[in-house]
Amino acid sequence: MDILWLLVPMSVLIALGIGAVFIWSARSGQFDDLEGPAHRMLMDDDRAQTIDEAPAAGKDDRKV
C-alpha cells in the first residue's frame, strides 16, 4: 500500500509530461499536413534526377 504514495504522483507527472509534449507539438505545426509527405513520397520527380545524375562531358570517355 505504501508504494501507491510513489506510483500515483509519478503517473500524474508522466501524464502531465505527455500532455505538455502533445500540446507543444500541436502548436508547433507537427500535425498540420498529415497526407502531404505520403503523397510527395509517391510522386516521381524524374526531371530533377536526370539533371543531377547526368555525367559531365569528358569524364566517361575512356579508351579500353
PDB file of N, CA and C in Angstrom:
ATOM      1  N   MET A   1       0.815  -1.192   0.000  1.00  0.00           N
ATOM      2  CA  MET A   1       0.000   0.000   0.000  1.00  0.00           C
ATOM      3  C   MET A   1       0.864   1.264   0.000  1.00  0.00           C
ATOM      4  N   ASP A   2       2.044   1.151   0.570  1.00  0.00           N
ATOM      5  CA  ASP A   2       2.926   2.321   0.630  1.00  0.00           C
ATOM      6  C   ASP A   2       3.451   2.700  -0.748  1.00  0.00           C
ATOM      7  N   ILE A   3       3.516   1.749  -1.638  1.00  0.00           N
ATOM      8  CA  ILE A   3       4.035   2.024  -2.977  1.00  0.00           C
ATOM      9  C   ILE A   3       3.116   2.965  -3.748  1.00  0.00           C
ATOM     10  N   LEU A   4       1.835   3.009  -3.385  1.00  0.00           N
ATOM     11  CA  LEU A   4       0.901   3.906  -4.051  1.00  0.00           C
ATOM     12  C   LEU A   4       1.287   5.370  -3.853  1.00  0.00           C
ATOM     13  N   TRP A   5       1.912   5.683  -2.724  1.00  0.00           N
ATOM     14  CA  TRP A   5       2.353   7.063  -2.484  1.00  0.00           C
ATOM     15  C   TRP A   5       3.448   7.474  -3.475  1.00  0.00           C
ATOM     16  N   LEU A   6       4.118   6.518  -4.048  1.00  0.00           N
ATOM     17  CA  LEU A   6       5.132   6.807  -5.064  1.00  0.00           C
ATOM     18  C   LEU A   6       4.554   6.707  -6.485  1.00  0.00           C
ATOM     19  N   LEU A   7       3.751   5.684  -6.728  1.00  0.00           N
ATOM     20  CA  LEU A   7       3.271   5.430  -8.083  1.00  0.00           C
ATOM     21  C   LEU A   7       2.230   6.440  -8.557  1.00  0.00           C
ATOM     22  N   VAL A   8       1.344   6.872  -7.696  1.00  0.00           N
ATOM     23  CA  VAL A   8       0.300   7.810  -8.117  1.00  0.00           C
ATOM     24  C   VAL A   8       0.899   9.157  -8.525  1.00  0.00           C
ATOM     25  N   PRO A   9       1.762   9.781  -7.717  1.00  0.00           N
ATOM     26  CA  PRO A   9       2.361  11.050  -8.179  1.00  0.00           C
ATOM     27  C   PRO A   9       3.237  10.882  -9.427  1.00  0.00           C
ATOM     28  N   MET A  10       3.948   9.741  -9.530  1.00  0.00           N
ATOM     29  CA  MET A  10       4.766   9.527 -10.723  1.00  0.00           C
ATOM     30  C   MET A  10       3.894   9.405 -11.965  1.00  0.00           C
ATOM     31  N   SER A  11       2.774   8.701 -11.878  1.00  0.00           N
ATOM     32  CA  SER A  11       1.900   8.553 -13.035  1.00  0.00           C
ATOM     33  C   SER A  11       1.260   9.882 -13.411  1.00  0.00           C
ATOM     34  N   VAL A  12       0.944  10.706 -12.430  1.00  0.00           N
ATOM     35  CA  VAL A  12       0.389  12.031 -12.725  1.00  0.00           C
ATOM     36  C   VAL A  12       1.434  12.898 -13.413  1.00  0.00           C
ATOM     37  N   LEU A  13       2.668  12.858 -12.955  1.00  0.00           N
ATOM     38  CA  LEU A  13       3.737  13.636 -13.583  1.00  0.00           C
ATOM     39  C   LEU A  13       4.011  13.166 -15.010  1.00  0.00           C
ATOM     40  N   ILE A  14       3.993  11.869 -15.228  1.00  0.00           N
ATOM     41  CA  ILE A  14       4.212  11.341 -16.570  1.00  0.00           C
ATOM     42  C   ILE A  14       3.072  11.754 -17.492  1.00  0.00           C
ATOM     43  N   ALA A  15       1.830  11.680 -16.996  1.00  0.00           N
ATOM     44  CA  ALA A  15       0.680  12.081 -17.808  1.00  0.00           C
ATOM     45  C   ALA A  15       0.746  13.571 -18.138  1.00  0.00           C
ATOM     46  N   LEU A  16       1.142  14.400 -17.189  1.00  0.00           N
ATOM     47  CA  LEU A  16       1.287  15.835 -17.457  1.00  0.00           C
ATOM     48  C   LEU A  16       2.406  16.095 -18.471  1.00  0.00           C
ATOM     49  N   GLY A  17       3.490  15.346 -18.373  1.00  0.00           N
ATOM     50  CA  GLY A  17       4.586  15.489 -19.335  1.00  0.00           C
ATOM     51  C   GLY A  17       4.160  15.107 -20.747  1.00  0.00           C
ATOM     52  N   ILE A  18       3.422  14.018 -20.868  1.00  0.00           N
ATOM     53  CA  ILE A  18       2.941  13.597 -22.183  1.00  0.00           C
ATOM     54  C   ILE A  18       1.975  14.639 -22.737  1.00  0.00           C
ATOM     55  N   GLY A  19       1.097  15.161 -21.890  1.00  0.00           N
ATOM     56  CA  GLY A  19       0.170  16.204 -22.335  1.00  0.00           C
ATOM     57  C   GLY A  19       0.900  17.460 -22.783  1.00  0.00           C
ATOM     58  N   ALA A  20       1.946  17.844 -22.048  1.00  0.00           N
ATOM     59  CA  ALA A  20       2.714  19.035 -22.418  1.00  0.00           C
ATOM     60  C   ALA A  20       3.430  18.844 -23.751  1.00  0.00           C
ATOM     61  N   VAL A  21       3.980  17.668 -23.981  1.00  0.00           N
ATOM     62  CA  VAL A  21       4.654  17.394 -25.251  1.00  0.00           C
ATOM     63  C   VAL A  21       3.645  17.400 -26.399  1.00  0.00           C
ATOM     64  N   PHE A  22       2.463  16.849 -26.172  1.00  0.00           N
ATOM     65  CA  PHE A  22       1.443  16.846 -27.214  1.00  0.00           C
ATOM     66  C   PHE A  22       0.992  18.264 -27.546  1.00  0.00           C
ATOM     67  N   ILE A  23       0.765  19.081 -26.536  1.00  0.00           N
ATOM     68  CA  ILE A  23       0.342  20.467 -26.775  1.00  0.00           C
ATOM     69  C   ILE A  23       1.441  21.230 -27.506  1.00  0.00           C
ATOM     70  N   TRP A  24       2.691  21.038 -27.121  1.00  0.00           N
ATOM     71  CA  TRP A  24       3.804  21.707 -27.796  1.00  0.00           C
ATOM     72  C   TRP A  24       3.881  21.302 -29.259  1.00  0.00           C
ATOM     73  N   SER A  25       3.719  19.993 -29.533  1.00  0.00           N
ATOM     74  CA  SER A  25       3.822  19.544 -30.919  1.00  0.00           C
ATOM     75  C   SER A  25       2.640  20.019 -31.752  1.00  0.00           C
ATOM     76  N   ALA A  26       1.467  20.108 -31.160  1.00  0.00           N
ATOM     77  CA  ALA A  26       0.305  20.599 -31.902  1.00  0.00           C
ATOM     78  C   ALA A  26       0.449  22.084 -32.215  1.00  0.00           C
ATOM     79  N   ARG A  27       0.985  22.849 -31.294  1.00  0.00           N
ATOM     80  CA  ARG A  27       1.162  24.290 -31.526  1.00  0.00           C
ATOM     81  C   ARG A  27       2.298  24.592 -32.503  1.00  0.00           C
ATOM     82  N   SER A  28       3.275  23.697 -32.580  1.00  0.00           N
ATOM     83  CA  SER A  28       4.403  23.953 -33.483  1.00  0.00           C
ATOM     84  C   SER A  28       4.130  23.473 -34.903  1.00  0.00           C
ATOM     85  N   GLY A  29       2.950  22.903 -35.156  1.00  0.00           N
ATOM     86  CA  GLY A  29       2.576  22.549 -36.521  1.00  0.00           C
ATOM     87  C   GLY A  29       2.940  21.146 -36.945  1.00  0.00           C
ATOM     88  N   GLN A  30       3.174  20.249 -36.011  1.00  0.00           N
ATOM     89  CA  GLN A  30       3.549  18.886 -36.371  1.00  0.00           C
ATOM     90  C   GLN A  30       2.403  18.116 -37.022  1.00  0.00           C
ATOM     91  N   PHE A  31       1.170  18.487 -36.744  1.00  0.00           N
ATOM     92  CA  PHE A  31       0.018  17.740 -37.241  1.00  0.00           C
ATOM     93  C   PHE A  31      -0.763  18.522 -38.287  1.00  0.00           C
ATOM     94  N   ASP A  32      -0.166  19.523 -38.899  1.00  0.00           N
ATOM     95  CA  ASP A  32      -0.885  20.346 -39.864  1.00  0.00           C
ATOM     96  C   ASP A  32      -1.181  19.594 -41.157  1.00  0.00           C
ATOM     97  N   ASP A  33      -0.196  18.934 -41.724  1.00  0.00           N
ATOM     98  CA  ASP A  33      -0.371  18.255 -43.006  1.00  0.00           C
ATOM     99  C   ASP A  33       0.048  16.800 -42.848  1.00  0.00           C
ATOM    100  N   LEU A  34      -0.932  15.926 -42.633  1.00  0.00           N
ATOM    101  CA  LEU A  34      -0.618  14.517 -42.413  1.00  0.00           C
ATOM    102  C   LEU A  34      -0.502  13.727 -43.709  1.00  0.00           C
ATOM    103  N   GLU A  35      -1.157  14.168 -44.780  1.00  0.00           N
ATOM    104  CA  GLU A  35      -1.157  13.401 -46.013  1.00  0.00           C
ATOM    105  C   GLU A  35      -0.133  13.900 -47.031  1.00  0.00           C
ATOM    106  N   GLY A  36       0.338  15.117 -46.902  1.00  0.00           N
ATOM    107  CA  GLY A  36       1.264  15.691 -47.868  1.00  0.00           C
ATOM    108  C   GLY A  36       2.563  14.917 -48.021  1.00  0.00           C
ATOM    109  N   PRO A  37       3.261  14.578 -46.924  1.00  0.00           N
ATOM    110  CA  PRO A  37       4.509  13.822 -47.081  1.00  0.00           C
ATOM    111  C   PRO A  37       4.311  12.453 -47.718  1.00  0.00           C
ATOM    112  N   ALA A  38       3.180  11.813 -47.438  1.00  0.00           N
ATOM    113  CA  ALA A  38       2.934  10.498 -48.054  1.00  0.00           C
ATOM    114  C   ALA A  38       2.738  10.629 -49.562  1.00  0.00           C
ATOM    115  N   HIS A  39       2.065  11.677 -50.006  1.00  0.00           N
ATOM    116  CA  HIS A  39       1.862  11.875 -51.440  1.00  0.00           C
ATOM    117  C   HIS A  39       3.156  12.312 -52.125  1.00  0.00           C
ATOM    118  N   ARG A  40       3.962  13.119 -51.457  1.00  0.00           N
ATOM    119  CA  ARG A  40       5.231  13.550 -52.046  1.00  0.00           C
ATOM    120  C   ARG A  40       6.192  12.383 -52.219  1.00  0.00           C
ATOM    121  N   MET A  41       6.114  11.410 -51.321  1.00  0.00           N
ATOM    122  CA  MET A  41       6.996  10.248 -51.423  1.00  0.00           C
ATOM    123  C   MET A  41       6.659   9.422 -52.661  1.00  0.00           C
ATOM    124  N   LEU A  42       5.384   9.367 -53.028  1.00  0.00           N
ATOM    125  CA  LEU A  42       4.970   8.544 -54.149  1.00  0.00           C
ATOM    126  C   LEU A  42       5.144   9.222 -55.497  1.00  0.00           C
ATOM    127  N   MET A  43       5.283  10.529 -55.515  1.00  0.00           N
ATOM    128  CA  MET A  43       5.393  11.251 -56.780  1.00  0.00           C
ATOM    129  C   MET A  43       6.823  11.149 -57.307  1.00  0.00           C
ATOM    130  N   ASP A  44       6.950  10.822 -58.589  1.00  0.00           N
ATOM    131  CA  ASP A  44       8.257  10.736 -59.224  1.00  0.00           C
ATOM    132  C   ASP A  44       8.681  12.113 -59.697  1.00  0.00           C
ATOM    133  N   ASP A  45       9.933  12.396 -59.497  1.00  0.00           N
ATOM    134  CA  ASP A  45      10.487  13.651 -59.979  1.00  0.00           C
ATOM    135  C   ASP A  45      11.658  13.314 -60.890  1.00  0.00           C
ATOM    136  N   ASP A  46      11.343  12.716 -62.040  1.00  0.00           N
ATOM    137  CA  ASP A  46      12.370  12.241 -62.961  1.00  0.00           C
ATOM    138  C   ASP A  46      13.196  13.376 -63.551  1.00  0.00           C
ATOM    139  N   ARG A  47      12.572  14.507 -63.730  1.00  0.00           N
ATOM    140  CA  ARG A  47      13.282  15.629 -64.350  1.00  0.00           C
ATOM    141  C   ARG A  47      14.443  16.080 -63.473  1.00  0.00           C
ATOM    142  N   ALA A  48      14.258  16.146 -62.167  1.00  0.00           N
ATOM    143  CA  ALA A  48      15.332  16.577 -61.268  1.00  0.00           C
ATOM    144  C   ALA A  48      16.437  15.524 -61.203  1.00  0.00           C
ATOM    145  N   GLN A  49      16.092  14.251 -61.274  1.00  0.00           N
ATOM    146  CA  GLN A  49      17.096  13.200 -61.202  1.00  0.00           C
ATOM    147  C   GLN A  49      17.960  13.169 -62.451  1.00  0.00           C
ATOM    148  N   THR A  50      17.384  13.409 -63.618  1.00  0.00           N
ATOM    149  CA  THR A  50      18.186  13.359 -64.833  1.00  0.00           C
ATOM    150  C   THR A  50      19.158  14.519 -64.887  1.00  0.00           C
ATOM    151  N   ILE A  51      18.785  15.648 -64.342  1.00  0.00           N
ATOM    152  CA  ILE A  51      19.704  16.793 -64.322  1.00  0.00           C
ATOM    153  C   ILE A  51      20.837  16.539 -63.339  1.00  0.00           C
ATOM    154  N   ASP A  52      20.513  16.003 -62.161  1.00  0.00           N
ATOM    155  CA  ASP A  52      21.526  15.777 -61.135  1.00  0.00           C
ATOM    156  C   ASP A  52      22.447  14.615 -61.479  1.00  0.00           C
ATOM    157  N   GLU A  53      21.924  13.584 -62.126  1.00  0.00           N
ATOM    158  CA  GLU A  53      22.711  12.389 -62.371  1.00  0.00           C
ATOM    159  C   GLU A  53      23.368  12.361 -63.743  1.00  0.00           C
ATOM    160  N   ALA A  54      23.218  13.407 -64.520  1.00  0.00           N
ATOM    161  CA  ALA A  54      23.822  13.429 -65.853  1.00  0.00           C
ATOM    162  C   ALA A  54      25.338  13.486 -65.710  1.00  0.00           C
ATOM    163  N   PRO A  55      26.076  12.596 -66.405  1.00  0.00           N
ATOM    164  CA  PRO A  55      27.535  12.614 -66.291  1.00  0.00           C
ATOM    165  C   PRO A  55      28.106  13.850 -66.980  1.00  0.00           C
ATOM    166  N   ALA A  56      29.172  14.337 -66.433  1.00  0.00           N
ATOM    167  CA  ALA A  56      29.823  15.512 -67.026  1.00  0.00           C
ATOM    168  C   ALA A  56      30.516  15.098 -68.327  1.00  0.00           C
ATOM    169  N   ALA A  57      30.592  16.012 -69.248  1.00  0.00           N
ATOM    170  CA  ALA A  57      31.188  15.720 -70.544  1.00  0.00           C
ATOM    171  C   ALA A  57      32.681  15.450 -70.373  1.00  0.00           C
ATOM    172  N   GLY A  58      33.140  14.374 -70.991  1.00  0.00           N
ATOM    173  CA  GLY A  58      34.563  14.069 -70.980  1.00  0.00           C
ATOM    174  C   GLY A  58      34.985  13.126 -69.874  1.00  0.00           C
ATOM    175  N   LYS A  59      34.165  12.917 -68.853  1.00  0.00           N
ATOM    176  CA  LYS A  59      34.564  12.034 -67.757  1.00  0.00           C
ATOM    177  C   LYS A  59      34.491  10.573 -68.148  1.00  0.00           C
ATOM    178  N   ASP A  60      33.531  10.194 -68.970  1.00  0.00           N
ATOM    179  CA  ASP A  60      33.359   8.785 -69.315  1.00  0.00           C
ATOM    180  C   ASP A  60      33.939   8.448 -70.685  1.00  0.00           C
ATOM    181  N   ASP A  61      34.846   9.244 -71.196  1.00  0.00           N
ATOM    182  CA  ASP A  61      35.455   8.993 -72.498  1.00  0.00           C
ATOM    183  C   ASP A  61      36.748   8.192 -72.309  1.00  0.00           C
ATOM    184  N   ARG A  62      36.589   6.970 -71.784  1.00  0.00           N
ATOM    185  CA  ARG A  62      37.770   6.136 -71.561  1.00  0.00           C
ATOM    186  C   ARG A  62      38.021   5.250 -72.771  1.00  0.00           C
ATOM    187  N   LYS A  63      39.255   5.038 -73.068  1.00  0.00           N
ATOM    188  CA  LYS A  63      39.629   4.112 -74.139  1.00  0.00           C
ATOM    189  C   LYS A  63      40.112   2.826 -73.505  1.00  0.00           C
ATOM    190  N   VAL A  64      39.538   1.715 -73.944  1.00  0.00           N
ATOM    191  CA  VAL A  64      39.881   0.424 -73.337  1.00  0.00           C
ATOM    192  C   VAL A  64      40.927  -0.269 -74.151  1.00  0.00           C
TER     193      VAL A  64
END
